[in-house]
Structures are given as structure tokens and as C-alpha cells.
Amino acid sequence: MSRKGNCFDNAVIESFFGTLKAEYFRLAAPNSSDALEAGVHDYVHYYNHDRIKLGLQGLSPVEYRVRSTA
């Protein structure tokens, strides 16, 4: 953990949560805690397996990782 006032190690997760809020919560607000849990689970799966990133040569993060280690 960084010291108080230094948030450099939180940048990755803060970026993810910002993307989650922008793409999931602002499109459809869940009406129960079960719907919220299922929606976040589905979004995390989409974020890792289906989302295409141009910086990863047009692959999803999982596809890129598999190709890089093979």
C-alpha cells in the first residue's frame, strides 16, 4: 500500500471501476442486490473475455494472454 495521499498503486482498479460505472451502472440501474451481483459478474466476464482492445492487437485480454504465453 502507498502512503496517505499517494494513490499510484490504485490507478488500475480506479480505472476499472470508472469504466464499470460508465458502462454498466449508467446504462441500466439494478433493482436488487442479486441483480447487481449478477450484473457485475457478467460485466467482469465481458471485460476479460469479450472486450476487444486495439492496444492488444485487436484481441480480448484473455486471448492476448493466451497467445503471449503459448
N, C-alpha and C. Protein backbone atom coordinates (compact mmCIF):
# COMPACT_ATOMS: atom_id res chain seq x y z
N MET A 1 0.84 -1.19 0.00
CA MET A 1 0.00 0.00 0.00
C MET A 1 0.88 1.24 0.00
N SER A 2 0.39 2.25 -0.66
CA SER A 2 1.13 3.51 -0.68
C SER A 2 0.77 4.32 0.56
N ARG A 3 1.54 5.34 0.77
CA ARG A 3 1.26 6.22 1.90
C ARG A 3 0.00 7.05 1.64
N LYS A 4 -0.46 7.65 2.67
CA LYS A 4 -1.63 8.52 2.55
C LYS A 4 -1.32 9.64 1.56
N GLY A 5 -2.20 9.84 0.61
CA GLY A 5 -2.03 10.88 -0.38
C GLY A 5 -1.36 10.42 -1.66
N ASN A 6 -0.80 9.22 -1.67
CA ASN A 6 -0.17 8.66 -2.86
C ASN A 6 -1.03 7.52 -3.37
N CYS A 7 -1.67 7.71 -4.49
CA CYS A 7 -2.61 6.70 -4.97
C CYS A 7 -2.12 5.99 -6.22
N PHE A 8 -0.81 5.92 -6.42
CA PHE A 8 -0.29 5.34 -7.65
C PHE A 8 -0.65 3.87 -7.81
N ASP A 9 -0.69 3.10 -6.71
CA ASP A 9 -0.99 1.69 -6.82
C ASP A 9 -2.48 1.43 -7.00
N ASN A 10 -3.31 2.44 -6.86
CA ASN A 10 -4.75 2.28 -7.03
C ASN A 10 -5.21 2.66 -8.44
N ALA A 11 -4.31 3.10 -9.29
CA ALA A 11 -4.71 3.63 -10.60
C ALA A 11 -5.41 2.58 -11.45
N VAL A 12 -4.95 1.36 -11.44
CA VAL A 12 -5.54 0.31 -12.29
C VAL A 12 -6.96 0.01 -11.85
N ILE A 13 -7.17 -0.21 -10.57
CA ILE A 13 -8.52 -0.56 -10.09
C ILE A 13 -9.45 0.64 -10.18
N GLU A 14 -8.93 1.85 -9.97
CA GLU A 14 -9.77 3.04 -10.12
C GLU A 14 -10.22 3.19 -11.56
N SER A 15 -9.34 2.89 -12.51
CA SER A 15 -9.70 2.94 -13.92
C SER A 15 -10.79 1.91 -14.23
N PHE A 16 -10.64 0.69 -13.69
CA PHE A 16 -11.64 -0.34 -13.92
C PHE A 16 -12.99 0.07 -13.35
N PHE A 17 -13.01 0.57 -12.11
CA PHE A 17 -14.27 0.96 -11.50
C PHE A 17 -14.91 2.13 -12.25
N GLY A 18 -14.11 3.04 -12.77
CA GLY A 18 -14.65 4.13 -13.59
C GLY A 18 -15.31 3.60 -14.84
N THR A 19 -14.66 2.63 -15.49
CA THR A 19 -15.23 2.02 -16.69
C THR A 19 -16.50 1.24 -16.35
N LEU A 20 -16.47 0.51 -15.24
CA LEU A 20 -17.65 -0.25 -14.79
C LEU A 20 -18.82 0.68 -14.57
N LYS A 21 -18.59 1.78 -13.86
CA LYS A 21 -19.68 2.72 -13.60
C LYS A 21 -20.20 3.35 -14.89
N ALA A 22 -19.31 3.70 -15.78
CA ALA A 22 -19.73 4.36 -17.02
C ALA A 22 -20.48 3.41 -17.94
N GLU A 23 -20.04 2.16 -18.03
CA GLU A 23 -20.63 1.23 -19.00
C GLU A 23 -21.75 0.37 -18.43
N TYR A 24 -21.77 0.15 -17.13
CA TYR A 24 -22.80 -0.74 -16.57
C TYR A 24 -23.86 0.03 -15.80
N PHE A 25 -23.46 0.80 -14.82
CA PHE A 25 -24.44 1.44 -13.94
C PHE A 25 -25.22 2.55 -14.63
N ARG A 26 -24.60 3.26 -15.55
CA ARG A 26 -25.31 4.37 -16.19
C ARG A 26 -26.24 3.90 -17.29
N LEU A 27 -26.06 2.67 -17.76
CA LEU A 27 -26.95 2.15 -18.81
C LEU A 27 -28.22 1.55 -18.22
N ALA A 28 -28.08 0.81 -17.12
CA ALA A 28 -29.25 0.18 -16.50
C ALA A 28 -28.99 0.03 -15.01
N ALA A 29 -29.79 0.66 -14.19
CA ALA A 29 -29.63 0.58 -12.75
C ALA A 29 -30.25 -0.72 -12.25
N PRO A 30 -29.50 -1.54 -11.50
CA PRO A 30 -30.06 -2.78 -10.97
C PRO A 30 -31.09 -2.48 -9.89
N ASN A 31 -32.10 -3.34 -9.81
CA ASN A 31 -33.18 -3.09 -8.86
C ASN A 31 -33.10 -3.95 -7.60
N SER A 32 -32.09 -4.81 -7.48
CA SER A 32 -31.89 -5.60 -6.27
C SER A 32 -30.42 -5.94 -6.13
N SER A 33 -30.03 -6.40 -4.95
CA SER A 33 -28.63 -6.75 -4.74
C SER A 33 -28.24 -7.99 -5.55
N ASP A 34 -29.19 -8.91 -5.76
CA ASP A 34 -28.91 -10.08 -6.59
C ASP A 34 -28.68 -9.69 -8.05
N ALA A 35 -29.48 -8.75 -8.53
CA ALA A 35 -29.30 -8.26 -9.90
C ALA A 35 -27.97 -7.52 -10.03
N LEU A 36 -27.59 -6.78 -9.01
CA LEU A 36 -26.30 -6.07 -9.01
C LEU A 36 -25.15 -7.07 -9.07
N GLU A 37 -25.20 -8.10 -8.23
CA GLU A 37 -24.14 -9.10 -8.20
C GLU A 37 -24.03 -9.83 -9.53
N ALA A 38 -25.15 -10.22 -10.09
CA ALA A 38 -25.14 -10.92 -11.38
C ALA A 38 -24.64 -10.00 -12.49
N GLY A 39 -25.05 -8.75 -12.46
CA GLY A 39 -24.63 -7.80 -13.49
C GLY A 39 -23.13 -7.53 -13.43
N VAL A 40 -22.59 -7.37 -12.22
CA VAL A 40 -21.15 -7.14 -12.09
C VAL A 40 -20.38 -8.38 -12.53
N HIS A 41 -20.87 -9.55 -12.18
CA HIS A 41 -20.22 -10.80 -12.61
C HIS A 41 -20.20 -10.89 -14.14
N ASP A 42 -21.32 -10.61 -14.76
CA ASP A 42 -21.40 -10.64 -16.23
C ASP A 42 -20.48 -9.59 -16.86
N TYR A 43 -20.42 -8.41 -16.25
CA TYR A 43 -19.57 -7.36 -16.80
C TYR A 43 -18.09 -7.72 -16.69
N VAL A 44 -17.68 -8.30 -15.57
CA VAL A 44 -16.27 -8.70 -15.41
C VAL A 44 -15.92 -9.77 -16.43
N HIS A 45 -16.83 -10.70 -16.70
CA HIS A 45 -16.59 -11.71 -17.73
C HIS A 45 -16.44 -11.04 -19.09
N TYR A 46 -17.34 -10.12 -19.40
CA TYR A 46 -17.25 -9.38 -20.67
C TYR A 46 -15.93 -8.61 -20.75
N TYR A 47 -15.55 -7.95 -19.67
CA TYR A 47 -14.35 -7.12 -19.64
C TYR A 47 -13.10 -7.94 -19.94
N ASN A 48 -13.05 -9.17 -19.47
CA ASN A 48 -11.87 -10.00 -19.65
C ASN A 48 -11.91 -10.88 -20.90
N HIS A 49 -13.09 -11.34 -21.31
CA HIS A 49 -13.17 -12.34 -22.37
C HIS A 49 -13.68 -11.81 -23.71
N ASP A 50 -14.51 -10.81 -23.72
CA ASP A 50 -15.16 -10.39 -24.96
C ASP A 50 -14.74 -9.00 -25.45
N ARG A 51 -14.28 -8.15 -24.57
CA ARG A 51 -13.95 -6.77 -24.92
C ARG A 51 -12.67 -6.74 -25.75
N ILE A 52 -12.73 -6.11 -26.89
CA ILE A 52 -11.58 -6.03 -27.79
C ILE A 52 -10.82 -4.73 -27.50
N LYS A 53 -9.50 -4.86 -27.36
CA LYS A 53 -8.63 -3.71 -27.13
C LYS A 53 -7.69 -3.56 -28.31
N LEU A 54 -7.64 -2.39 -28.91
CA LEU A 54 -6.74 -2.15 -30.03
C LEU A 54 -5.28 -2.22 -29.59
N GLY A 55 -5.00 -1.82 -28.35
CA GLY A 55 -3.64 -1.89 -27.83
C GLY A 55 -3.15 -3.31 -27.64
N LEU A 56 -4.05 -4.28 -27.65
CA LEU A 56 -3.69 -5.70 -27.52
C LEU A 56 -3.85 -6.40 -28.86
N GLN A 57 -3.59 -5.68 -29.93
CA GLN A 57 -3.65 -6.21 -31.29
C GLN A 57 -5.04 -6.70 -31.69
N GLY A 58 -6.07 -6.03 -31.18
CA GLY A 58 -7.44 -6.38 -31.53
C GLY A 58 -7.96 -7.62 -30.85
N LEU A 59 -7.32 -8.03 -29.77
CA LEU A 59 -7.74 -9.23 -29.03
C LEU A 59 -8.32 -8.84 -27.68
N SER A 60 -9.06 -9.77 -27.08
CA SER A 60 -9.50 -9.55 -25.71
C SER A 60 -8.31 -9.80 -24.79
N PRO A 61 -8.36 -9.32 -23.55
CA PRO A 61 -7.24 -9.53 -22.64
C PRO A 61 -6.89 -11.01 -22.44
N VAL A 62 -7.88 -11.88 -22.34
CA VAL A 62 -7.61 -13.31 -22.15
C VAL A 62 -6.97 -13.90 -23.40
N GLU A 63 -7.50 -13.57 -24.58
CA GLU A 63 -6.92 -14.08 -25.83
C GLU A 63 -5.47 -13.62 -25.99
N TYR A 64 -5.20 -12.37 -25.66
CA TYR A 64 -3.86 -11.84 -25.78
C TYR A 64 -2.91 -12.57 -24.83
N ARG A 65 -3.36 -12.80 -23.60
CA ARG A 65 -2.53 -13.51 -22.62
C ARG A 65 -2.24 -14.94 -23.06
N VAL A 66 -3.24 -15.61 -23.63
CA VAL A 66 -3.03 -16.98 -24.10
C VAL A 66 -2.04 -17.00 -25.26
N ARG A 67 -2.17 -16.08 -26.19
CA ARG A 67 -1.23 -16.04 -27.33
C ARG A 67 0.17 -15.66 -26.90
N SER A 68 0.29 -14.82 -25.88
CA SER A 68 1.60 -14.37 -25.42
C SER A 68 2.35 -15.48 -24.69
N THR A 69 1.63 -16.37 -24.03
CA THR A 69 2.28 -17.43 -23.26
C THR A 69 2.48 -18.69 -24.06
N ALA A 70 1.84 -18.81 -25.20
CA ALA A 70 1.96 -20.04 -25.99
C ALA A 70 3.21 -20.06 -26.82
